[in-house]
Amino acid sequence: MSEIAFGSDKSELISFRIGEQEFCVDIMAVREIRGWTPATPVPHSPTYVRGVINLRGAVLPVIDLAARLGLGVAEATARHVIIVVQIGRRQMGLLVDAVCDILSTADHAVQKTPDVASDSTTQFVRGLIAMEGRMISLIDLACVLDEREAEAA
């Protein structure tokens, strides 16, 4: 479900901020947006896994998206939010600074990630969208938590 249907004319995306940068994901992958809830740490988990929270009786891993993208560890405050996303059959929470907007964009507006970007950038960023003077990176949710790391979380 995290794949954008590039055969259609338009895509609906939800944009969010991490530091000074803006990112987006396919809105169809988003299940809900919650306020920050402190997570219970999980021993021996990767540094970007903040821990787990109770989501209506289900254990939900929370990923510090800033740390996962190599932008430093977020100092979570009451202003931060958790975006609950569905990747295949797995749900996870993404810790971000703030949700910005719901975007409707033509598929041809998603530009390829430049070749000058590092391999780690192209691993997570599927493309870039230039919109209203902003440059928004489209995140590939399938790469945020791979199978081995999901087992550890």
N, C-alpha and C. Protein backbone atom coordinates (compact mmCIF):
# COMPACT_ATOMS: atom_id res chain seq x y z
N MET A 1 0.81 -1.21 0.00
CA MET A 1 0.00 0.00 0.00
C MET A 1 0.85 1.26 0.00
N SER A 2 2.13 1.12 0.30
CA SER A 2 2.96 2.31 0.36
C SER A 2 3.41 2.75 -1.03
N GLU A 3 3.07 1.98 -2.04
CA GLU A 3 3.44 2.35 -3.40
C GLU A 3 2.43 3.33 -3.97
N ILE A 4 2.92 4.35 -4.63
CA ILE A 4 2.05 5.30 -5.30
C ILE A 4 1.66 4.71 -6.64
N ALA A 5 0.42 4.82 -6.98
CA ALA A 5 -0.07 4.31 -8.26
C ALA A 5 0.34 5.28 -9.36
N PHE A 6 1.52 5.07 -9.94
CA PHE A 6 2.02 6.00 -10.93
C PHE A 6 1.26 5.91 -12.25
N GLY A 7 0.36 4.95 -12.40
CA GLY A 7 -0.45 4.88 -13.60
C GLY A 7 -1.58 5.91 -13.58
N SER A 8 -1.94 6.38 -12.39
CA SER A 8 -2.99 7.37 -12.28
C SER A 8 -2.41 8.75 -12.56
N ASP A 9 -3.29 9.75 -12.70
CA ASP A 9 -2.83 11.09 -13.01
C ASP A 9 -2.33 11.85 -11.80
N LYS A 10 -2.92 11.59 -10.63
CA LYS A 10 -2.56 12.34 -9.43
C LYS A 10 -2.28 11.40 -8.28
N SER A 11 -1.47 11.91 -7.36
CA SER A 11 -1.16 11.19 -6.13
C SER A 11 -1.48 12.08 -4.95
N GLU A 12 -1.99 11.47 -3.89
CA GLU A 12 -2.25 12.18 -2.64
C GLU A 12 -1.13 11.83 -1.68
N LEU A 13 -0.49 12.84 -1.14
CA LEU A 13 0.64 12.66 -0.25
C LEU A 13 0.42 13.46 1.02
N ILE A 14 1.03 13.03 2.11
CA ILE A 14 1.02 13.81 3.33
C ILE A 14 2.45 14.25 3.59
N SER A 15 2.62 15.55 3.80
CA SER A 15 3.97 16.08 4.01
C SER A 15 4.20 16.36 5.49
N PHE A 16 5.46 16.25 5.89
CA PHE A 16 5.84 16.48 7.28
C PHE A 16 7.25 17.04 7.31
N ARG A 17 7.58 17.58 8.46
CA ARG A 17 8.86 18.26 8.62
C ARG A 17 9.74 17.49 9.59
N ILE A 18 11.02 17.41 9.24
CA ILE A 18 12.06 16.92 10.13
C ILE A 18 13.15 17.98 10.08
N GLY A 19 13.33 18.70 11.17
CA GLY A 19 14.26 19.82 11.16
C GLY A 19 13.78 20.87 10.18
N GLU A 20 14.63 21.29 9.29
CA GLU A 20 14.28 22.29 8.28
C GLU A 20 13.85 21.65 6.96
N GLN A 21 13.88 20.33 6.87
CA GLN A 21 13.57 19.65 5.62
C GLN A 21 12.14 19.13 5.63
N GLU A 22 11.57 19.06 4.42
CA GLU A 22 10.20 18.58 4.28
C GLU A 22 10.22 17.28 3.49
N PHE A 23 9.44 16.32 3.96
CA PHE A 23 9.34 15.00 3.36
C PHE A 23 7.86 14.68 3.15
N CYS A 24 7.57 13.63 2.39
CA CYS A 24 6.19 13.20 2.22
C CYS A 24 6.13 11.70 2.00
N VAL A 25 4.95 11.14 2.25
CA VAL A 25 4.67 9.73 1.99
C VAL A 25 3.28 9.63 1.38
N ASP A 26 3.02 8.51 0.75
CA ASP A 26 1.71 8.24 0.16
C ASP A 26 0.66 8.24 1.27
N ILE A 27 -0.38 9.02 1.09
CA ILE A 27 -1.40 9.16 2.13
C ILE A 27 -2.15 7.84 2.36
N MET A 28 -2.17 6.96 1.38
CA MET A 28 -2.85 5.68 1.54
C MET A 28 -2.14 4.76 2.53
N ALA A 29 -0.86 5.04 2.83
CA ALA A 29 -0.11 4.24 3.80
C ALA A 29 -0.33 4.75 5.22
N VAL A 30 -0.87 5.95 5.37
CA VAL A 30 -1.04 6.55 6.69
C VAL A 30 -2.35 6.07 7.32
N ARG A 31 -2.24 5.54 8.54
CA ARG A 31 -3.41 5.05 9.26
C ARG A 31 -3.94 6.10 10.23
N GLU A 32 -3.03 6.81 10.90
CA GLU A 32 -3.44 7.88 11.82
C GLU A 32 -2.23 8.72 12.18
N ILE A 33 -2.52 9.87 12.78
CA ILE A 33 -1.48 10.77 13.27
C ILE A 33 -1.77 11.00 14.75
N ARG A 34 -0.77 10.74 15.59
CA ARG A 34 -0.93 10.83 17.04
C ARG A 34 0.08 11.82 17.61
N GLY A 35 -0.26 12.36 18.76
CA GLY A 35 0.70 13.18 19.48
C GLY A 35 1.81 12.30 20.03
N TRP A 36 2.92 12.92 20.39
CA TRP A 36 4.06 12.18 20.91
C TRP A 36 3.68 11.46 22.21
N THR A 37 4.03 10.20 22.27
CA THR A 37 3.87 9.37 23.45
C THR A 37 5.23 8.76 23.73
N PRO A 38 5.75 8.89 24.95
CA PRO A 38 7.05 8.26 25.23
C PRO A 38 7.00 6.76 24.94
N ALA A 39 8.04 6.26 24.32
CA ALA A 39 8.11 4.85 23.93
C ALA A 39 8.93 4.06 24.95
N THR A 40 8.58 2.81 25.11
CA THR A 40 9.33 1.90 25.97
C THR A 40 10.50 1.36 25.16
N PRO A 41 11.73 1.59 25.62
CA PRO A 41 12.89 1.12 24.85
C PRO A 41 12.90 -0.41 24.71
N VAL A 42 13.46 -0.89 23.60
CA VAL A 42 13.61 -2.31 23.33
C VAL A 42 15.11 -2.62 23.35
N PRO A 43 15.55 -3.52 24.24
CA PRO A 43 16.98 -3.82 24.32
C PRO A 43 17.54 -4.32 22.99
N HIS A 44 18.75 -3.91 22.67
CA HIS A 44 19.50 -4.33 21.49
C HIS A 44 18.84 -3.94 20.17
N SER A 45 17.97 -2.95 20.18
CA SER A 45 17.35 -2.50 18.93
C SER A 45 18.27 -1.47 18.26
N PRO A 46 18.10 -1.25 16.96
CA PRO A 46 18.91 -0.23 16.28
C PRO A 46 18.69 1.14 16.93
N THR A 47 19.66 2.03 16.79
CA THR A 47 19.59 3.34 17.46
C THR A 47 18.40 4.17 17.01
N TYR A 48 17.91 3.97 15.80
CA TYR A 48 16.78 4.76 15.31
C TYR A 48 15.43 4.22 15.77
N VAL A 49 15.39 3.07 16.43
CA VAL A 49 14.14 2.54 16.98
C VAL A 49 13.99 3.12 18.38
N ARG A 50 13.01 4.03 18.54
CA ARG A 50 12.80 4.68 19.83
C ARG A 50 12.25 3.72 20.87
N GLY A 51 11.57 2.69 20.42
CA GLY A 51 10.96 1.73 21.32
C GLY A 51 9.59 1.36 20.80
N VAL A 52 8.71 0.97 21.71
CA VAL A 52 7.36 0.55 21.33
C VAL A 52 6.34 1.30 22.17
N ILE A 53 5.15 1.47 21.61
CA ILE A 53 4.03 2.05 22.34
C ILE A 53 2.83 1.12 22.20
N ASN A 54 1.86 1.30 23.07
CA ASN A 54 0.63 0.53 23.04
C ASN A 54 -0.37 1.30 22.18
N LEU A 55 -0.77 0.71 21.08
CA LEU A 55 -1.77 1.33 20.19
C LEU A 55 -3.02 0.46 20.23
N ARG A 56 -3.93 0.82 21.11
CA ARG A 56 -5.19 0.08 21.27
C ARG A 56 -4.97 -1.42 21.42
N GLY A 57 -4.01 -1.77 22.30
CA GLY A 57 -3.74 -3.17 22.59
C GLY A 57 -2.69 -3.82 21.71
N ALA A 58 -2.24 -3.15 20.68
CA ALA A 58 -1.20 -3.69 19.79
C ALA A 58 0.12 -3.00 20.08
N VAL A 59 1.20 -3.75 19.98
CA VAL A 59 2.54 -3.20 20.17
C VAL A 59 2.99 -2.57 18.86
N LEU A 60 3.31 -1.27 18.93
CA LEU A 60 3.69 -0.52 17.73
C LEU A 60 5.12 -0.01 17.88
N PRO A 61 6.05 -0.47 17.00
CA PRO A 61 7.41 0.08 17.06
C PRO A 61 7.40 1.53 16.57
N VAL A 62 8.21 2.37 17.21
CA VAL A 62 8.31 3.78 16.84
C VAL A 62 9.72 4.02 16.31
N ILE A 63 9.79 4.50 15.07
CA ILE A 63 11.05 4.78 14.40
C ILE A 63 11.31 6.28 14.44
N ASP A 64 12.49 6.67 14.90
CA ASP A 64 12.92 8.07 14.84
C ASP A 64 13.37 8.30 13.40
N LEU A 65 12.49 8.90 12.59
CA LEU A 65 12.78 9.04 11.16
C LEU A 65 13.99 9.93 10.91
N ALA A 66 14.22 10.92 11.76
CA ALA A 66 15.42 11.76 11.61
C ALA A 66 16.67 10.91 11.75
N ALA A 67 16.72 10.07 12.76
CA ALA A 67 17.88 9.20 12.96
C ALA A 67 18.01 8.19 11.83
N ARG A 68 16.90 7.66 11.36
CA ARG A 68 16.93 6.66 10.26
C ARG A 68 17.46 7.27 8.98
N LEU A 69 17.15 8.54 8.75
CA LEU A 69 17.60 9.21 7.53
C LEU A 69 18.98 9.84 7.69
N GLY A 70 19.59 9.67 8.86
CA GLY A 70 20.93 10.21 9.09
C GLY A 70 20.95 11.69 9.40
N LEU A 71 19.85 12.21 9.94
CA LEU A 71 19.74 13.64 10.25
C LEU A 71 19.92 13.93 11.74
N GLY A 72 20.40 12.97 12.51
CA GLY A 72 20.57 13.15 13.94
C GLY A 72 19.36 12.64 14.70
N VAL A 73 19.56 12.38 15.97
CA VAL A 73 18.48 11.86 16.83
C VAL A 73 17.57 13.02 17.24
N ALA A 74 16.26 12.81 17.14
CA ALA A 74 15.29 13.84 17.52
C ALA A 74 15.17 13.90 19.04
N GLU A 75 15.09 15.11 19.54
CA GLU A 75 14.78 15.33 20.95
C GLU A 75 13.28 15.53 21.04
N ALA A 76 12.55 14.44 21.27
CA ALA A 76 11.09 14.47 21.20
C ALA A 76 10.49 15.35 22.30
N THR A 77 9.53 16.19 21.89
CA THR A 77 8.79 17.05 22.80
C THR A 77 7.30 16.85 22.54
N ALA A 78 6.48 17.55 23.28
CA ALA A 78 5.03 17.46 23.11
C ALA A 78 4.60 17.93 21.72
N ARG A 79 5.43 18.71 21.03
CA ARG A 79 5.09 19.19 19.69
C ARG A 79 5.33 18.16 18.60
N HIS A 80 6.10 17.13 18.88
CA HIS A 80 6.37 16.08 17.90
C HIS A 80 5.13 15.21 17.71
N VAL A 81 5.07 14.53 16.58
CA VAL A 81 3.95 13.64 16.29
C VAL A 81 4.46 12.29 15.81
N ILE A 82 3.60 11.31 15.95
CA ILE A 82 3.88 9.97 15.44
C ILE A 82 2.89 9.72 14.31
N ILE A 83 3.42 9.46 13.12
CA ILE A 83 2.58 9.10 11.97
C ILE A 83 2.55 7.58 11.93
N VAL A 84 1.38 6.99 12.13
CA VAL A 84 1.24 5.54 12.08
C VAL A 84 1.02 5.15 10.61
N VAL A 85 1.94 4.32 10.10
CA VAL A 85 1.88 3.91 8.70
C VAL A 85 1.79 2.40 8.60
N GLN A 86 1.23 1.96 7.49
CA GLN A 86 1.11 0.54 7.18
C GLN A 86 2.05 0.25 6.03
N ILE A 87 2.96 -0.71 6.25
CA ILE A 87 3.88 -1.15 5.20
C ILE A 87 3.64 -2.64 5.02
N GLY A 88 2.97 -3.01 3.95
CA GLY A 88 2.56 -4.40 3.78
C GLY A 88 1.59 -4.75 4.88
N ARG A 89 1.93 -5.79 5.67
CA ARG A 89 1.07 -6.19 6.79
C ARG A 89 1.55 -5.60 8.10
N ARG A 90 2.63 -4.85 8.08
CA ARG A 90 3.24 -4.33 9.30
C ARG A 90 2.87 -2.86 9.51
N GLN A 91 2.58 -2.51 10.76
CA GLN A 91 2.37 -1.11 11.12
C GLN A 91 3.54 -0.63 11.95
N MET A 92 3.88 0.64 11.79
CA MET A 92 4.92 1.25 12.61
C MET A 92 4.61 2.72 12.76
N GLY A 93 5.21 3.33 13.77
CA GLY A 93 5.06 4.76 13.98
C GLY A 93 6.33 5.47 13.55
N LEU A 94 6.18 6.60 12.89
CA LEU A 94 7.31 7.41 12.46
C LEU A 94 7.30 8.70 13.28
N LEU A 95 8.34 8.93 14.06
CA LEU A 95 8.46 10.14 14.84
C LEU A 95 8.97 11.26 13.94
N VAL A 96 8.18 12.34 13.81
CA VAL A 96 8.54 13.49 12.99
C VAL A 96 8.28 14.76 13.79
N ASP A 97 8.83 15.88 13.32
CA ASP A 97 8.65 17.15 14.03
C ASP A 97 7.22 17.66 13.95
N ALA A 98 6.64 17.64 12.75
CA ALA A 98 5.28 18.16 12.56
C ALA A 98 4.74 17.71 11.21
N VAL A 99 3.42 17.55 11.14
CA VAL A 99 2.76 17.29 9.87
C VAL A 99 2.45 18.65 9.25
N CYS A 100 2.73 18.79 7.95
CA CYS A 100 2.58 20.09 7.29
C CYS A 100 1.31 20.22 6.47
N ASP A 101 1.07 19.25 5.58
CA ASP A 101 0.08 19.48 4.54
C ASP A 101 -0.34 18.16 3.91
N ILE A 102 -1.49 18.18 3.25
CA ILE A 102 -1.89 17.11 2.35
C ILE A 102 -1.71 17.65 0.95
N LEU A 103 -0.93 16.94 0.15
CA LEU A 103 -0.58 17.40 -1.19
C LEU A 103 -1.27 16.55 -2.24
N SER A 104 -1.72 17.18 -3.27
CA SER A 104 -2.21 16.48 -4.45
C SER A 104 -1.29 16.89 -5.58
N THR A 105 -0.60 15.93 -6.14
CA THR A 105 0.39 16.25 -7.17
C THR A 105 0.26 15.31 -8.36
N ALA A 106 0.57 15.83 -9.51
CA ALA A 106 0.59 15.00 -10.72
C ALA A 106 1.80 14.08 -10.64
N ASP A 107 1.63 12.86 -11.10
CA ASP A 107 2.72 11.89 -11.04
C ASP A 107 3.97 12.37 -11.76
N HIS A 108 3.80 13.10 -12.86
CA HIS A 108 4.97 13.57 -13.60
C HIS A 108 5.74 14.65 -12.85
N ALA A 109 5.17 15.19 -11.76
CA ALA A 109 5.84 16.20 -10.96
C ALA A 109 6.89 15.59 -10.03
N VAL A 110 6.84 14.26 -9.83
CA VAL A 110 7.83 13.58 -9.00
C VAL A 110 9.07 13.36 -9.85
N GLN A 111 10.15 14.05 -9.48
CA GLN A 111 11.38 13.97 -10.25
C GLN A 111 12.32 12.96 -9.61
N LYS A 112 13.14 12.37 -10.43
CA LYS A 112 14.12 11.37 -9.99
C LYS A 112 15.10 12.02 -9.01
N THR A 113 15.53 11.24 -8.01
CA THR A 113 16.55 11.71 -7.07
C THR A 113 17.84 11.92 -7.85
N PRO A 114 18.49 13.08 -7.68
CA PRO A 114 19.70 13.36 -8.46
C PRO A 114 20.80 12.33 -8.24
N ASP A 115 21.61 12.10 -9.26
CA ASP A 115 22.71 11.14 -9.18
C ASP A 115 23.78 11.58 -8.19
N VAL A 116 23.83 12.86 -7.85
CA VAL A 116 24.85 13.35 -6.91
C VAL A 116 24.51 12.98 -5.47
N ALA A 117 23.31 12.50 -5.23
CA ALA A 117 22.91 12.11 -3.87
C ALA A 117 23.65 10.83 -3.47
N SER A 118 23.88 10.67 -2.17
CA SER A 118 24.59 9.48 -1.69
C SER A 118 23.69 8.25 -1.81
N ASP A 119 24.32 7.08 -1.71
CA ASP A 119 23.56 5.83 -1.78
C ASP A 119 22.53 5.74 -0.66
N SER A 120 22.88 6.24 0.53
CA SER A 120 21.92 6.18 1.64
C SER A 120 20.72 7.07 1.37
N THR A 121 20.93 8.19 0.69
CA THR A 121 19.81 9.07 0.34
C THR A 121 18.90 8.39 -0.67
N THR A 122 19.48 7.85 -1.72
CA THR A 122 18.66 7.21 -2.76
C THR A 122 18.00 5.94 -2.24
N GLN A 123 18.52 5.36 -1.16
CA GLN A 123 17.89 4.18 -0.57
C GLN A 123 16.52 4.54 0.00
N PHE A 124 16.38 5.74 0.58
CA PHE A 124 15.13 6.12 1.25
C PHE A 124 14.27 7.08 0.44
N VAL A 125 14.87 7.89 -0.42
CA VAL A 125 14.15 8.91 -1.16
C VAL A 125 13.85 8.41 -2.56
N ARG A 126 12.54 8.27 -2.88
CA ARG A 126 12.12 7.77 -4.20
C ARG A 126 12.11 8.86 -5.25
N GLY A 127 12.00 10.11 -4.82
CA GLY A 127 11.95 11.21 -5.77
C GLY A 127 11.79 12.53 -5.04
N LEU A 128 11.83 13.60 -5.81
CA LEU A 128 11.70 14.96 -5.26
C LEU A 128 10.54 15.66 -5.94
N ILE A 129 9.86 16.50 -5.18
CA ILE A 129 8.74 17.26 -5.71
C ILE A 129 9.02 18.74 -5.44
N ALA A 130 9.08 19.53 -6.50
CA ALA A 130 9.23 20.98 -6.36
C ALA A 130 7.82 21.56 -6.42
N MET A 131 7.40 22.19 -5.30
CA MET A 131 6.03 22.68 -5.21
C MET A 131 5.99 23.97 -4.40
N GLU A 132 5.44 25.01 -4.96
CA GLU A 132 5.23 26.29 -4.27
C GLU A 132 6.50 26.78 -3.59
N GLY A 133 7.62 26.68 -4.28
CA GLY A 133 8.89 27.15 -3.74
C GLY A 133 9.52 26.22 -2.73
N ARG A 134 8.95 25.04 -2.54
CA ARG A 134 9.48 24.05 -1.59
C ARG A 134 10.04 22.86 -2.35
N MET A 135 11.02 22.20 -1.77
CA MET A 135 11.55 20.96 -2.31
C MET A 135 11.21 19.87 -1.30
N ILE A 136 10.36 18.92 -1.71
CA ILE A 136 9.84 17.90 -0.81
C ILE A 136 10.34 16.53 -1.27
N SER A 137 10.95 15.79 -0.35
CA SER A 137 11.48 14.46 -0.66
C SER A 137 10.41 13.40 -0.40
N LEU A 138 10.19 12.54 -1.39
CA LEU A 138 9.22 11.46 -1.29
C LEU A 138 9.92 10.24 -0.69
N ILE A 139 9.48 9.82 0.50
CA ILE A 139 10.12 8.71 1.22
C ILE A 139 9.56 7.38 0.74
N ASP A 140 10.45 6.40 0.55
CA ASP A 140 10.06 5.02 0.24
C ASP A 140 9.91 4.28 1.56
N LEU A 141 8.69 4.10 2.01
CA LEU A 141 8.44 3.49 3.32
C LEU A 141 8.96 2.06 3.41
N ALA A 142 8.99 1.34 2.32
CA ALA A 142 9.45 -0.04 2.35
C ALA A 142 10.92 -0.13 2.77
N CYS A 143 11.69 0.92 2.56
CA CYS A 143 13.11 0.91 2.92
C CYS A 143 13.37 1.41 4.33
N VAL A 144 12.38 2.00 4.96
CA VAL A 144 12.59 2.57 6.30
C VAL A 144 12.89 1.47 7.30
N LEU A 145 12.22 0.34 7.20
CA LEU A 145 12.44 -0.77 8.12
C LEU A 145 12.47 -2.06 7.31
N ASP A 146 13.68 -2.59 7.09
CA ASP A 146 13.74 -3.83 6.32
C ASP A 146 13.44 -5.03 7.22
N GLU A 147 13.35 -6.21 6.64
CA GLU A 147 12.90 -7.39 7.37
C GLU A 147 13.78 -7.72 8.57
N ARG A 148 15.11 -7.70 8.42
CA ARG A 148 16.00 -8.03 9.54
C ARG A 148 15.82 -7.05 10.68
N GLU A 149 15.69 -5.77 10.34
CA GLU A 149 15.54 -4.76 11.38
C GLU A 149 14.15 -4.83 12.00
N ALA A 150 13.16 -5.26 11.25
CA ALA A 150 11.81 -5.41 11.79
C ALA A 150 11.81 -6.50 12.86
N GLU A 151 12.56 -7.57 12.61
CA GLU A 151 12.66 -8.65 13.60
C GLU A 151 13.28 -8.12 14.89
N ALA A 152 14.30 -7.27 14.77
CA ALA A 152 14.97 -6.73 15.96
C ALA A 152 14.05 -5.79 16.73
N ALA A 153 13.21 -5.04 16.00
CA ALA A 153 12.29 -4.11 16.66
C ALA A 153 11.19 -4.90 17.34
